[in-house]
Amino acid sequence: MTNNNDTVTVLTPSVTLATTLTASPTVITLNPVTGQFVIPLLSATLKETVSGNPVPGQTVTFTANAVTGPLPLGSAVTNASGVAALTNVVVPPNTLTAATYTAAFAGAPGFGPSSSTASLTFTG
């Protein structure tokens, strides 16, 4: 009897799709009831660069670009339309020094990383 224990390894190339993340401009407001500074809506849309298809189920991290350094604002998972959103984010007063914020996608199996910067304006 012959024992055949040969192993066959099949290599398949991994494909990483380029992504585009688009952050939307937003504002910081002062809540007159609580006296807290709040960003009503932070949002960014993640899509495949070539096809334009949304990329759902991926984590996007939001950071304010303040004069004192980066201020983490939170993270959200993209929905079926590729949109990650945070609502009513309470922020410290030094966030007022941030003219912009950055939304970042670190990448995931099959998807390359991307980031986008958008304006952050204090409206009072």
PDB file of N, CA and C in Angstrom:
ATOM      1  N   MET A   1       0.843  -1.157   0.000  1.00  0.00           N
ATOM      2  CA  MET A   1       0.000   0.000   0.000  1.00  0.00           C
ATOM      3  C   MET A   1       0.900   1.235   0.000  1.00  0.00           C
ATOM      4  N   THR A   2       0.527   2.237  -0.782  1.00  0.00           N
ATOM      5  CA  THR A   2       1.306   3.463  -0.888  1.00  0.00           C
ATOM      6  C   THR A   2       0.621   4.575  -0.102  1.00  0.00           C
ATOM      7  N   ASN A   3       1.405   5.311   0.662  1.00  0.00           N
ATOM      8  CA  ASN A   3       0.870   6.436   1.426  1.00  0.00           C
ATOM      9  C   ASN A   3       1.293   7.723   0.734  1.00  0.00           C
ATOM     10  N   ASN A   4       0.349   8.511   0.271  1.00  0.00           N
ATOM     11  CA  ASN A   4       0.647   9.745  -0.459  1.00  0.00           C
ATOM     12  C   ASN A   4       0.192  10.935   0.382  1.00  0.00           C
ATOM     13  N   ASN A   5       1.150  11.639   0.957  1.00  0.00           N
ATOM     14  CA  ASN A   5       0.836  12.787   1.812  1.00  0.00           C
ATOM     15  C   ASN A   5       1.352  14.085   1.204  1.00  0.00           C
ATOM     16  N   ASP A   6       1.294  14.190  -0.092  1.00  0.00           N
ATOM     17  CA  ASP A   6       1.743  15.423  -0.737  1.00  0.00           C
ATOM     18  C   ASP A   6       0.789  16.564  -0.399  1.00  0.00           C
ATOM     19  N   THR A   7       1.351  17.743  -0.236  1.00  0.00           N
ATOM     20  CA  THR A   7       0.555  18.935   0.048  1.00  0.00           C
ATOM     21  C   THR A   7       0.616  19.856  -1.154  1.00  0.00           C
ATOM     22  N   VAL A   8      -0.534  20.331  -1.537  1.00  0.00           N
ATOM     23  CA  VAL A   8      -0.609  21.285  -2.637  1.00  0.00           C
ATOM     24  C   VAL A   8      -1.022  22.628  -2.052  1.00  0.00           C
ATOM     25  N   THR A   9      -0.249  23.652  -2.320  1.00  0.00           N
ATOM     26  CA  THR A   9      -0.569  24.999  -1.857  1.00  0.00           C
ATOM     27  C   THR A   9      -0.990  25.832  -3.052  1.00  0.00           C
ATOM     28  N   VAL A  10      -2.167  26.415  -2.947  1.00  0.00           N
ATOM     29  CA  VAL A  10      -2.675  27.265  -4.014  1.00  0.00           C
ATOM     30  C   VAL A  10      -2.599  28.702  -3.530  1.00  0.00           C
ATOM     31  N   LEU A  11      -1.895  29.520  -4.269  1.00  0.00           N
ATOM     32  CA  LEU A  11      -1.775  30.931  -3.914  1.00  0.00           C
ATOM     33  C   LEU A  11      -2.732  31.750  -4.762  1.00  0.00           C
ATOM     34  N   THR A  12      -3.543  32.523  -4.097  1.00  0.00           N
ATOM     35  CA  THR A  12      -4.430  33.431  -4.823  1.00  0.00           C
ATOM     36  C   THR A  12      -4.039  34.850  -4.444  1.00  0.00           C
ATOM     37  N   PRO A  13      -3.916  35.703  -5.425  1.00  0.00           N
ATOM     38  CA  PRO A  13      -3.511  37.075  -5.101  1.00  0.00           C
ATOM     39  C   PRO A  13      -4.613  37.784  -4.313  1.00  0.00           C
ATOM     40  N   SER A  14      -4.196  38.528  -3.290  1.00  0.00           N
ATOM     41  CA  SER A  14      -5.190  39.289  -2.542  1.00  0.00           C
ATOM     42  C   SER A  14      -5.442  40.604  -3.277  1.00  0.00           C
ATOM     43  N   VAL A  15      -6.679  41.005  -3.268  1.00  0.00           N
ATOM     44  CA  VAL A  15      -7.064  42.237  -3.945  1.00  0.00           C
ATOM     45  C   VAL A  15      -7.461  43.248  -2.886  1.00  0.00           C
ATOM     46  N   THR A  16      -6.851  44.405  -2.945  1.00  0.00           N
ATOM     47  CA  THR A  16      -7.216  45.490  -2.046  1.00  0.00           C
ATOM     48  C   THR A  16      -7.792  46.609  -2.887  1.00  0.00           C
ATOM     49  N   LEU A  17      -9.056  46.932  -2.628  1.00  0.00           N
ATOM     50  CA  LEU A  17      -9.720  47.997  -3.368  1.00  0.00           C
ATOM     51  C   LEU A  17      -9.417  49.343  -2.725  1.00  0.00           C
ATOM     52  N   ALA A  18      -9.094  50.317  -3.556  1.00  0.00           N
ATOM     53  CA  ALA A  18      -8.871  51.674  -3.059  1.00  0.00           C
ATOM     54  C   ALA A  18     -10.199  52.250  -2.586  1.00  0.00           C
ATOM     55  N   THR A  19     -10.141  53.046  -1.524  1.00  0.00           N
ATOM     56  CA  THR A  19     -11.349  53.677  -1.001  1.00  0.00           C
ATOM     57  C   THR A  19     -11.195  55.193  -0.993  1.00  0.00           C
ATOM     58  N   THR A  20     -12.337  55.860  -1.010  1.00  0.00           N
ATOM     59  CA  THR A  20     -12.376  57.315  -0.898  1.00  0.00           C
ATOM     60  C   THR A  20     -13.316  57.662   0.244  1.00  0.00           C
ATOM     61  N   LEU A  21     -12.817  58.452   1.178  1.00  0.00           N
ATOM     62  CA  LEU A  21     -13.626  58.896   2.304  1.00  0.00           C
ATOM     63  C   LEU A  21     -13.877  60.385   2.130  1.00  0.00           C
ATOM     64  N   THR A  22     -15.126  60.805   2.229  1.00  0.00           N
ATOM     65  CA  THR A  22     -15.477  62.215   2.062  1.00  0.00           C
ATOM     66  C   THR A  22     -16.165  62.709   3.330  1.00  0.00           C
ATOM     67  N   ALA A  23     -15.482  63.604   4.047  1.00  0.00           N
ATOM     68  CA  ALA A  23     -16.044  64.194   5.265  1.00  0.00           C
ATOM     69  C   ALA A  23     -16.880  65.412   4.896  1.00  0.00           C
ATOM     70  N   SER A  24     -17.966  65.619   5.630  1.00  0.00           N
ATOM     71  CA  SER A  24     -18.853  66.756   5.380  1.00  0.00           C
ATOM     72  C   SER A  24     -18.540  67.900   6.341  1.00  0.00           C
ATOM     73  N   PRO A  25     -18.535  69.148   5.842  1.00  0.00           N
ATOM     74  CA  PRO A  25     -18.324  70.307   6.727  1.00  0.00           C
ATOM     75  C   PRO A  25     -19.373  70.324   7.838  1.00  0.00           C
ATOM     76  N   THR A  26     -18.989  70.817   9.006  1.00  0.00           N
ATOM     77  CA  THR A  26     -19.928  70.855  10.126  1.00  0.00           C
ATOM     78  C   THR A  26     -19.648  72.055  11.018  1.00  0.00           C
ATOM     79  N   VAL A  27     -20.417  72.172  12.092  1.00  0.00           N
ATOM     80  CA  VAL A  27     -20.314  73.323  12.993  1.00  0.00           C
ATOM     81  C   VAL A  27     -20.209  72.864  14.444  1.00  0.00           C
ATOM     82  N   ILE A  28     -19.716  73.783  15.283  1.00  0.00           N
ATOM     83  CA  ILE A  28     -19.769  73.622  16.737  1.00  0.00           C
ATOM     84  C   ILE A  28     -20.742  74.687  17.232  1.00  0.00           C
ATOM     85  N   THR A  29     -21.682  74.284  18.058  1.00  0.00           N
ATOM     86  CA  THR A  29     -22.641  75.239  18.609  1.00  0.00           C
ATOM     87  C   THR A  29     -22.563  75.212  20.132  1.00  0.00           C
ATOM     88  N   LEU A  30     -23.090  76.248  20.748  1.00  0.00           N
ATOM     89  CA  LEU A  30     -23.177  76.300  22.202  1.00  0.00           C
ATOM     90  C   LEU A  30     -24.617  75.987  22.582  1.00  0.00           C
ATOM     91  N   ASN A  31     -24.798  74.936  23.357  1.00  0.00           N
ATOM     92  CA  ASN A  31     -26.133  74.579  23.819  1.00  0.00           C
ATOM     93  C   ASN A  31     -26.504  75.549  24.940  1.00  0.00           C
ATOM     94  N   PRO A  32     -27.507  76.410  24.726  1.00  0.00           N
ATOM     95  CA  PRO A  32     -27.838  77.427  25.729  1.00  0.00           C
ATOM     96  C   PRO A  32     -28.399  76.844  27.028  1.00  0.00           C
ATOM     97  N   VAL A  33     -28.942  75.657  26.964  1.00  0.00           N
ATOM     98  CA  VAL A  33     -29.515  75.031  28.158  1.00  0.00           C
ATOM     99  C   VAL A  33     -28.428  74.435  29.042  1.00  0.00           C
ATOM    100  N   THR A  34     -27.504  73.691  28.429  1.00  0.00           N
ATOM    101  CA  THR A  34     -26.472  72.992  29.209  1.00  0.00           C
ATOM    102  C   THR A  34     -25.173  73.775  29.318  1.00  0.00           C
ATOM    103  N   GLY A  35     -24.973  74.757  28.426  1.00  0.00           N
ATOM    104  CA  GLY A  35     -23.713  75.496  28.403  1.00  0.00           C
ATOM    105  C   GLY A  35     -22.572  74.701  27.799  1.00  0.00           C
ATOM    106  N   GLN A  36     -22.880  73.568  27.171  1.00  0.00           N
ATOM    107  CA  GLN A  36     -21.849  72.723  26.566  1.00  0.00           C
ATOM    108  C   GLN A  36     -21.699  73.034  25.084  1.00  0.00           C
ATOM    109  N   PHE A  37     -20.478  72.848  24.601  1.00  0.00           N
ATOM    110  CA  PHE A  37     -20.229  72.960  23.166  1.00  0.00           C
ATOM    111  C   PHE A  37     -20.559  71.614  22.527  1.00  0.00           C
ATOM    112  N   VAL A  38     -21.280  71.666  21.410  1.00  0.00           N
ATOM    113  CA  VAL A  38     -21.775  70.445  20.775  1.00  0.00           C
ATOM    114  C   VAL A  38     -21.571  70.517  19.263  1.00  0.00           C
ATOM    115  N   ILE A  39     -21.174  69.401  18.684  1.00  0.00           N
ATOM    116  CA  ILE A  39     -21.172  69.251  17.227  1.00  0.00           C
ATOM    117  C   ILE A  39     -22.432  68.448  16.910  1.00  0.00           C
ATOM    118  N   PRO A  40     -23.427  69.083  16.253  1.00  0.00           N
ATOM    119  CA  PRO A  40     -24.694  68.386  16.005  1.00  0.00           C
ATOM    120  C   PRO A  40     -24.557  67.145  15.124  1.00  0.00           C
ATOM    121  N   LEU A  41     -23.678  67.207  14.119  1.00  0.00           N
ATOM    122  CA  LEU A  41     -23.530  66.064  13.213  1.00  0.00           C
ATOM    123  C   LEU A  41     -22.131  66.019  12.618  1.00  0.00           C
ATOM    124  N   LEU A  42     -21.473  64.893  12.802  1.00  0.00           N
ATOM    125  CA  LEU A  42     -20.213  64.582  12.117  1.00  0.00           C
ATOM    126  C   LEU A  42     -20.537  63.443  11.169  1.00  0.00           C
ATOM    127  N   SER A  43     -20.180  63.593   9.899  1.00  0.00           N
ATOM    128  CA  SER A  43     -20.448  62.485   8.978  1.00  0.00           C
ATOM    129  C   SER A  43     -19.393  62.405   7.890  1.00  0.00           C
ATOM    130  N   ALA A  44     -19.203  61.193   7.417  1.00  0.00           N
ATOM    131  CA  ALA A  44     -18.272  60.937   6.320  1.00  0.00           C
ATOM    132  C   ALA A  44     -18.794  59.735   5.541  1.00  0.00           C
ATOM    133  N   THR A  45     -18.569  59.760   4.239  1.00  0.00           N
ATOM    134  CA  THR A  45     -19.041  58.686   3.366  1.00  0.00           C
ATOM    135  C   THR A  45     -17.854  57.929   2.788  1.00  0.00           C
ATOM    136  N   LEU A  46     -17.876  56.600   2.931  1.00  0.00           N
ATOM    137  CA  LEU A  46     -16.810  55.724   2.455  1.00  0.00           C
ATOM    138  C   LEU A  46     -17.293  54.966   1.226  1.00  0.00           C
ATOM    139  N   LYS A  47     -16.533  55.104   0.129  1.00  0.00           N
ATOM    140  CA  LYS A  47     -16.886  54.417  -1.119  1.00  0.00           C
ATOM    141  C   LYS A  47     -15.655  53.765  -1.727  1.00  0.00           C
ATOM    142  N   GLU A  48     -15.907  52.747  -2.567  1.00  0.00           N
ATOM    143  CA  GLU A  48     -14.830  52.187  -3.379  1.00  0.00           C
ATOM    144  C   GLU A  48     -14.484  53.245  -4.412  1.00  0.00           C
ATOM    145  N   THR A  49     -13.204  53.523  -4.596  1.00  0.00           N
ATOM    146  CA  THR A  49     -12.780  54.601  -5.485  1.00  0.00           C
ATOM    147  C   THR A  49     -13.191  54.358  -6.931  1.00  0.00           C
ATOM    148  N   VAL A  50     -12.968  53.164  -7.454  1.00  0.00           N
ATOM    149  CA  VAL A  50     -13.220  52.900  -8.874  1.00  0.00           C
ATOM    150  C   VAL A  50     -14.707  52.764  -9.181  1.00  0.00           C
ATOM    151  N   SER A  51     -15.414  51.942  -8.414  1.00  0.00           N
ATOM    152  CA  SER A  51     -16.830  51.680  -8.714  1.00  0.00           C
ATOM    153  C   SER A  51     -17.768  52.734  -8.146  1.00  0.00           C
ATOM    154  N   GLY A  52     -17.341  53.404  -7.081  1.00  0.00           N
ATOM    155  CA  GLY A  52     -18.219  54.358  -6.414  1.00  0.00           C
ATOM    156  C   GLY A  52     -19.225  53.700  -5.492  1.00  0.00           C
ATOM    157  N   ASN A  53     -19.116  52.382  -5.328  1.00  0.00           N
ATOM    158  CA  ASN A  53     -20.040  51.661  -4.452  1.00  0.00           C
ATOM    159  C   ASN A  53     -19.751  51.987  -2.991  1.00  0.00           C
ATOM    160  N   PRO A  54     -20.800  52.085  -2.155  1.00  0.00           N
ATOM    161  CA  PRO A  54     -20.582  52.332  -0.730  1.00  0.00           C
ATOM    162  C   PRO A  54     -19.896  51.136  -0.076  1.00  0.00           C
ATOM    163  N   VAL A  55     -19.168  51.411   1.003  1.00  0.00           N
ATOM    164  CA  VAL A  55     -18.490  50.357   1.759  1.00  0.00           C
ATOM    165  C   VAL A  55     -19.122  50.313   3.157  1.00  0.00           C
ATOM    166  N   PRO A  56     -20.069  49.404   3.378  1.00  0.00           N
ATOM    167  CA  PRO A  56     -20.741  49.326   4.681  1.00  0.00           C
ATOM    168  C   PRO A  56     -19.946  48.525   5.708  1.00  0.00           C
ATOM    169  N   GLY A  57     -20.300  48.722   6.983  1.00  0.00           N
ATOM    170  CA  GLY A  57     -19.743  47.906   8.061  1.00  0.00           C
ATOM    171  C   GLY A  57     -18.309  48.201   8.438  1.00  0.00           C
ATOM    172  N   GLN A  58     -17.813  49.388   8.113  1.00  0.00           N
ATOM    173  CA  GLN A  58     -16.422  49.734   8.414  1.00  0.00           C
ATOM    174  C   GLN A  58     -16.366  50.897   9.408  1.00  0.00           C
ATOM    175  N   THR A  59     -15.345  50.908  10.246  1.00  0.00           N
ATOM    176  CA  THR A  59     -15.218  51.937  11.280  1.00  0.00           C
ATOM    177  C   THR A  59     -14.463  53.155  10.768  1.00  0.00           C
ATOM    178  N   VAL A  60     -15.061  54.321  11.007  1.00  0.00           N
ATOM    179  CA  VAL A  60     -14.451  55.607  10.667  1.00  0.00           C
ATOM    180  C   VAL A  60     -14.219  56.356  11.978  1.00  0.00           C
ATOM    181  N   THR A  61     -13.021  56.915  12.141  1.00  0.00           N
ATOM    182  CA  THR A  61     -12.652  57.653  13.345  1.00  0.00           C
ATOM    183  C   THR A  61     -12.612  59.143  13.040  1.00  0.00           C
ATOM    184  N   PHE A  62     -13.180  59.942  13.943  1.00  0.00           N
ATOM    185  CA  PHE A  62     -13.246  61.390  13.774  1.00  0.00           C
ATOM    186  C   PHE A  62     -12.334  62.073  14.793  1.00  0.00           C
ATOM    187  N   THR A  63     -11.526  63.045  14.318  1.00  0.00           N
ATOM    188  CA  THR A  63     -10.591  63.765  15.178  1.00  0.00           C
ATOM    189  C   THR A  63     -10.600  65.241  14.818  1.00  0.00           C
ATOM    190  N   ALA A  64     -10.739  66.115  15.835  1.00  0.00           N
ATOM    191  CA  ALA A  64     -10.656  67.561  15.603  1.00  0.00           C
ATOM    192  C   ALA A  64      -9.191  67.956  15.520  1.00  0.00           C
ATOM    193  N   ASN A  65      -8.869  68.841  14.587  1.00  0.00           N
ATOM    194  CA  ASN A  65      -7.490  69.300  14.398  1.00  0.00           C
ATOM    195  C   ASN A  65      -7.307  70.634  15.122  1.00  0.00           C
ATOM    196  N   ALA A  66      -7.219  70.572  16.451  1.00  0.00           N
ATOM    197  CA  ALA A  66      -7.121  71.769  17.285  1.00  0.00           C
ATOM    198  C   ALA A  66      -5.693  72.290  17.331  1.00  0.00           C
ATOM    199  N   VAL A  67      -5.558  73.560  17.703  1.00  0.00           N
ATOM    200  CA  VAL A  67      -4.238  74.185  17.835  1.00  0.00           C
ATOM    201  C   VAL A  67      -3.410  73.437  18.880  1.00  0.00           C
ATOM    202  N   THR A  68      -4.062  72.930  19.908  1.00  0.00           N
ATOM    203  CA  THR A  68      -3.368  72.221  20.987  1.00  0.00           C
ATOM    204  C   THR A  68      -3.013  70.782  20.632  1.00  0.00           C
ATOM    205  N   GLY A  69      -3.443  70.329  19.462  1.00  0.00           N
ATOM    206  CA  GLY A  69      -3.175  68.960  19.025  1.00  0.00           C
ATOM    207  C   GLY A  69      -4.464  68.244  18.689  1.00  0.00           C
ATOM    208  N   PRO A  70      -4.357  67.023  18.190  1.00  0.00           N
ATOM    209  CA  PRO A  70      -5.555  66.278  17.796  1.00  0.00           C
ATOM    210  C   PRO A  70      -6.450  65.970  18.999  1.00  0.00           C
ATOM    211  N   LEU A  71      -7.752  66.141  18.800  1.00  0.00           N
ATOM    212  CA  LEU A  71      -8.734  65.829  19.839  1.00  0.00           C
ATOM    213  C   LEU A  71      -9.679  64.751  19.318  1.00  0.00           C
ATOM    214  N   PRO A  72      -9.614  63.539  19.878  1.00  0.00           N
ATOM    215  CA  PRO A  72     -10.516  62.473  19.426  1.00  0.00           C
ATOM    216  C   PRO A  72     -11.976  62.858  19.675  1.00  0.00           C
ATOM    217  N   LEU A  73     -12.805  62.652  18.674  1.00  0.00           N
ATOM    218  CA  LEU A  73     -14.226  62.975  18.780  1.00  0.00           C
ATOM    219  C   LEU A  73     -15.095  61.726  18.857  1.00  0.00           C
ATOM    220  N   GLY A  74     -14.575  60.603  18.393  1.00  0.00           N
ATOM    221  CA  GLY A  74     -15.334  59.358  18.426  1.00  0.00           C
ATOM    222  C   GLY A  74     -15.221  58.597  17.126  1.00  0.00           C
ATOM    223  N   SER A  75     -15.920  57.495  17.056  1.00  0.00           N
ATOM    224  CA  SER A  75     -15.915  56.690  15.838  1.00  0.00           C
ATOM    225  C   SER A  75     -17.313  56.144  15.595  1.00  0.00           C
ATOM    226  N   ALA A  76     -17.563  55.791  14.341  1.00  0.00           N
ATOM    227  CA  ALA A  76     -18.863  55.252  13.940  1.00  0.00           C
ATOM    228  C   ALA A  76     -18.654  54.245  12.819  1.00  0.00           C
ATOM    229  N   VAL A  77     -19.592  53.332  12.688  1.00  0.00           N
ATOM    230  CA  VAL A  77     -19.543  52.302  11.647  1.00  0.00           C
ATOM    231  C   VAL A  77     -20.399  52.750  10.466  1.00  0.00           C
ATOM    232  N   THR A  78     -19.885  52.533   9.260  1.00  0.00           N
ATOM    233  CA  THR A  78     -20.623  52.921   8.059  1.00  0.00           C
ATOM    234  C   THR A  78     -21.879  52.070   7.892  1.00  0.00           C
ATOM    235  N   ASN A  79     -22.947  52.720   7.428  1.00  0.00           N
ATOM    236  CA  ASN A  79     -24.212  52.024   7.178  1.00  0.00           C
ATOM    237  C   ASN A  79     -24.234  51.473   5.749  1.00  0.00           C
ATOM    238  N   ALA A  80     -25.372  51.001   5.294  1.00  0.00           N
ATOM    239  CA  ALA A  80     -25.490  50.408   3.956  1.00  0.00           C
ATOM    240  C   ALA A  80     -25.150  51.396   2.849  1.00  0.00           C
ATOM    241  N   SER A  81     -25.282  52.687   3.129  1.00  0.00           N
ATOM    242  CA  SER A  81     -24.943  53.723   2.146  1.00  0.00           C
ATOM    243  C   SER A  81     -23.496  54.179   2.263  1.00  0.00           C
ATOM    244  N   GLY A  82     -22.731  53.563   3.170  1.00  0.00           N
ATOM    245  CA  GLY A  82     -21.334  53.929   3.365  1.00  0.00           C
ATOM    246  C   GLY A  82     -21.136  55.140   4.254  1.00  0.00           C
ATOM    247  N   VAL A  83     -22.191  55.587   4.941  1.00  0.00           N
ATOM    248  CA  VAL A  83     -22.115  56.788   5.773  1.00  0.00           C
ATOM    249  C   VAL A  83     -21.872  56.416   7.234  1.00  0.00           C
ATOM    250  N   ALA A  84     -20.838  57.038   7.814  1.00  0.00           N
ATOM    251  CA  ALA A  84     -20.575  56.933   9.246  1.00  0.00           C
ATOM    252  C   ALA A  84     -20.970  58.271   9.854  1.00  0.00           C
ATOM    253  N   ALA A  85     -21.743  58.252  10.932  1.00  0.00           N
ATOM    254  CA  ALA A  85     -22.222  59.508  11.508  1.00  0.00           C
ATOM    255  C   ALA A  85     -22.247  59.453  13.029  1.00  0.00           C
ATOM    256  N   LEU A  86     -21.903  60.581  13.624  1.00  0.00           N
ATOM    257  CA  LEU A  86     -22.035  60.782  15.062  1.00  0.00           C
ATOM    258  C   LEU A  86     -22.923  62.001  15.253  1.00  0.00           C
ATOM    259  N   THR A  87     -23.836  61.947  16.210  1.00  0.00           N
ATOM    260  CA  THR A  87     -24.716  63.090  16.449  1.00  0.00           C
ATOM    261  C   THR A  87     -24.546  63.618  17.869  1.00  0.00           C
ATOM    262  N   ASN A  88     -24.729  64.931  17.988  1.00  0.00           N
ATOM    263  CA  ASN A  88     -24.683  65.629  19.275  1.00  0.00           C
ATOM    264  C   ASN A  88     -23.452  65.271  20.102  1.00  0.00           C
ATOM    265  N   VAL A  89     -22.284  65.465  19.489  1.00  0.00           N
ATOM    266  CA  VAL A  89     -21.014  65.167  20.142  1.00  0.00           C
ATOM    267  C   VAL A  89     -20.637  66.341  21.043  1.00  0.00           C
ATOM    268  N   VAL A  90     -20.599  66.107  22.352  1.00  0.00           N
ATOM    269  CA  VAL A  90     -20.193  67.138  23.304  1.00  0.00           C
ATOM    270  C   VAL A  90     -18.672  67.229  23.262  1.00  0.00           C
ATOM    271  N   VAL A  91     -18.162  68.457  23.122  1.00  0.00           N
ATOM    272  CA  VAL A  91     -16.718  68.645  22.974  1.00  0.00           C
ATOM    273  C   VAL A  91     -16.207  69.658  23.994  1.00  0.00           C
ATOM    274  N   PRO A  92     -14.920  69.564  24.369  1.00  0.00           N
ATOM    275  CA  PRO A  92     -14.346  70.533  25.304  1.00  0.00           C
ATOM    276  C   PRO A  92     -14.151  71.890  24.619  1.00  0.00           C
ATOM    277  N   PRO A  93     -14.063  72.974  25.405  1.00  0.00           N
ATOM    278  CA  PRO A  93     -13.908  74.315  24.828  1.00  0.00           C
ATOM    279  C   PRO A  93     -12.707  74.475  23.896  1.00  0.00           C
ATOM    280  N   ASN A  94     -11.600  73.752  24.146  1.00  0.00           N
ATOM    281  CA  ASN A  94     -10.431  73.924  23.272  1.00  0.00           C
ATOM    282  C   ASN A  94     -10.674  73.406  21.858  1.00  0.00           C
ATOM    283  N   THR A  95     -11.792  72.725  21.640  1.00  0.00           N
ATOM    284  CA  THR A  95     -12.152  72.301  20.285  1.00  0.00           C
ATOM    285  C   THR A  95     -12.450  73.514  19.410  1.00  0.00           C
ATOM    286  N   LEU A  96     -12.787  74.643  20.037  1.00  0.00           N
ATOM    287  CA  LEU A  96     -13.074  75.863  19.278  1.00  0.00           C
ATOM    288  C   LEU A  96     -11.866  76.333  18.479  1.00  0.00           C
ATOM    289  N   THR A  97     -10.666  75.886  18.859  1.00  0.00           N
ATOM    290  CA  THR A  97      -9.458  76.273  18.111  1.00  0.00           C
ATOM    291  C   THR A  97      -9.272  75.432  16.852  1.00  0.00           C
ATOM    292  N   ALA A  98     -10.138  74.465  16.650  1.00  0.00           N
ATOM    293  CA  ALA A  98     -10.022  73.585  15.478  1.00  0.00           C
ATOM    294  C   ALA A  98     -10.832  74.154  14.321  1.00  0.00           C
ATOM    295  N   ALA A  99     -10.155  74.479  13.247  1.00  0.00           N
ATOM    296  CA  ALA A  99     -10.854  74.958  12.044  1.00  0.00           C
ATOM    297  C   ALA A  99     -11.282  73.792  11.160  1.00  0.00           C
ATOM    298  N   THR A 100     -10.723  72.611  11.442  1.00  0.00           N
ATOM    299  CA  THR A 100     -11.038  71.427  10.634  1.00  0.00           C
ATOM    300  C   THR A 100     -11.105  70.187  11.522  1.00  0.00           C
ATOM    301  N   TYR A 101     -11.665  69.137  10.945  1.00  0.00           N
ATOM    302  CA  TYR A 101     -11.609  67.821  11.572  1.00  0.00           C
ATOM    303  C   TYR A 101     -11.253  66.811  10.488  1.00  0.00           C
ATOM    304  N   THR A 102     -10.753  65.669  10.915  1.00  0.00           N
ATOM    305  CA  THR A 102     -10.374  64.610   9.985  1.00  0.00           C
ATOM    306  C   THR A 102     -11.189  63.356  10.274  1.00  0.00           C
ATOM    307  N   ALA A 103     -11.697  62.766   9.217  1.00  0.00           N
ATOM    308  CA  ALA A 103     -12.340  61.455   9.293  1.00  0.00           C
ATOM    309  C   ALA A 103     -11.350  60.472   8.677  1.00  0.00           C
ATOM    310  N   ALA A 104     -11.119  59.355   9.341  1.00  0.00           N
ATOM    311  CA  ALA A 104     -10.119  58.402   8.852  1.00  0.00           C
ATOM    312  C   ALA A 104     -10.647  56.972   8.893  1.00  0.00           C
ATOM    313  N   PHE A 105     -10.355  56.250   7.820  1.00  0.00           N
ATOM    314  CA  PHE A 105     -10.638  54.820   7.718  1.00  0.00           C
ATOM    315  C   PHE A 105      -9.287  54.127   7.646  1.00  0.00           C
ATOM    316  N   ALA A 106      -8.993  53.259   8.610  1.00  0.00           N
ATOM    317  CA  ALA A 106      -7.676  52.624   8.709  1.00  0.00           C
ATOM    318  C   ALA A 106      -7.441  51.537   7.677  1.00  0.00           C
ATOM    319  N   GLY A 107      -8.493  51.141   6.961  1.00  0.00           N
ATOM    320  CA  GLY A 107      -8.379  50.031   6.029  1.00  0.00           C
ATOM    321  C   GLY A 107      -8.892  48.760   6.685  1.00  0.00           C
ATOM    322  N   ALA A 108      -9.153  47.764   5.875  1.00  0.00           N
ATOM    323  CA  ALA A 108      -9.674  46.478   6.341  1.00  0.00           C
ATOM    324  C   ALA A 108      -9.338  45.451   5.267  1.00  0.00           C
ATOM    325  N   PRO A 109      -9.456  44.165   5.571  1.00  0.00           N
ATOM    326  CA  PRO A 109      -9.174  43.172   4.529  1.00  0.00           C
ATOM    327  C   PRO A 109      -9.978  43.463   3.257  1.00  0.00           C
ATOM    328  N   GLY A 110      -9.271  43.656   2.172  1.00  0.00           N
ATOM    329  CA  GLY A 110      -9.899  43.938   0.888  1.00  0.00           C
ATOM    330  C   GLY A 110     -10.099  45.409   0.584  1.00  0.00           C
ATOM    331  N   PHE A 111      -9.880  46.275   1.585  1.00  0.00           N
ATOM    332  CA  PHE A 111     -10.094  47.711   1.396  1.00  0.00           C
ATOM    333  C   PHE A 111      -8.900  48.508   1.907  1.00  0.00           C
ATOM    334  N   GLY A 112      -8.422  49.437   1.082  1.00  0.00           N
ATOM    335  CA  GLY A 112      -7.309  50.291   1.469  1.00  0.00           C
ATOM    336  C   GLY A 112      -7.760  51.431   2.368  1.00  0.00           C
ATOM    337  N   PRO A 113      -6.817  52.025   3.115  1.00  0.00           N
ATOM    338  CA  PRO A 113      -7.143  53.133   4.008  1.00  0.00           C
ATOM    339  C   PRO A 113      -7.413  54.427   3.238  1.00  0.00           C
ATOM    340  N   SER A 114      -8.130  55.337   3.875  1.00  0.00           N
ATOM    341  CA  SER A 114      -8.335  56.667   3.299  1.00  0.00           C
ATOM    342  C   SER A 114      -8.735  57.628   4.406  1.00  0.00           C
ATOM    343  N   SER A 115      -8.583  58.919   4.129  1.00  0.00           N
ATOM    344  CA  SER A 115      -8.983  59.935   5.098  1.00  0.00           C
ATOM    345  C   SER A 115      -9.417  61.186   4.362  1.00  0.00           C
ATOM    346  N   SER A 116     -10.100  62.052   5.095  1.00  0.00           N
ATOM    347  CA  SER A 116     -10.613  63.284   4.513  1.00  0.00           C
ATOM    348  C   SER A 116     -10.701  64.330   5.612  1.00  0.00           C
ATOM    349  N   THR A 117     -10.456  65.578   5.250  1.00  0.00           N
ATOM    350  CA  THR A 117     -10.552  66.689   6.189  1.00  0.00           C
ATOM    351  C   THR A 117     -11.645  67.636   5.724  1.00  0.00           C
ATOM    352  N   ALA A 118     -12.423  68.133   6.688  1.00  0.00           N
ATOM    353  CA  ALA A 118     -13.505  69.068   6.367  1.00  0.00           C
ATOM    354  C   ALA A 118     -13.513  70.195   7.395  1.00  0.00           C
ATOM    355  N   SER A 119     -14.209  71.267   7.067  1.00  0.00           N
ATOM    356  CA  SER A 119     -14.241  72.427   7.957  1.00  0.00           C
ATOM    357  C   SER A 119     -15.087  72.166   9.201  1.00  0.00           C
ATOM    358  N   LEU A 120     -14.685  72.831  10.272  1.00  0.00           N
ATOM    359  CA  LEU A 120     -15.369  72.774  11.558  1.00  0.00           C
ATOM    360  C   LEU A 120     -15.488  74.223  12.017  1.00  0.00           C
ATOM    361  N   THR A 121     -16.691  74.773  11.989  1.00  0.00           N
ATOM    362  CA  THR A 121     -16.904  76.197  12.226  1.00  0.00           C
ATOM    363  C   THR A 121     -17.726  76.420  13.488  1.00  0.00           C
ATOM    364  N   PHE A 122     -17.278  77.352  14.333  1.00  0.00           N
ATOM    365  CA  PHE A 122     -18.041  77.713  15.527  1.00  0.00           C
ATOM    366  C   PHE A 122     -19.117  78.714  15.136  1.00  0.00           C
ATOM    367  N   THR A 123     -20.372  78.393  15.474  1.00  0.00           N
ATOM    368  CA  THR A 123     -21.477  79.287  15.114  1.00  0.00           C
ATOM    369  C   THR A 123     -22.094  79.974  16.323  1.00  0.00           C
ATOM    370  N   GLY A 124     -21.609  79.697  17.508  1.00  0.00           N
ATOM    371  CA  GLY A 124     -22.127  80.377  18.692  1.00  0.00           C
ATOM    372  C   GLY A 124     -23.283  79.699  19.336  1.00  0.00           C
TER     373      GLY A 124
END
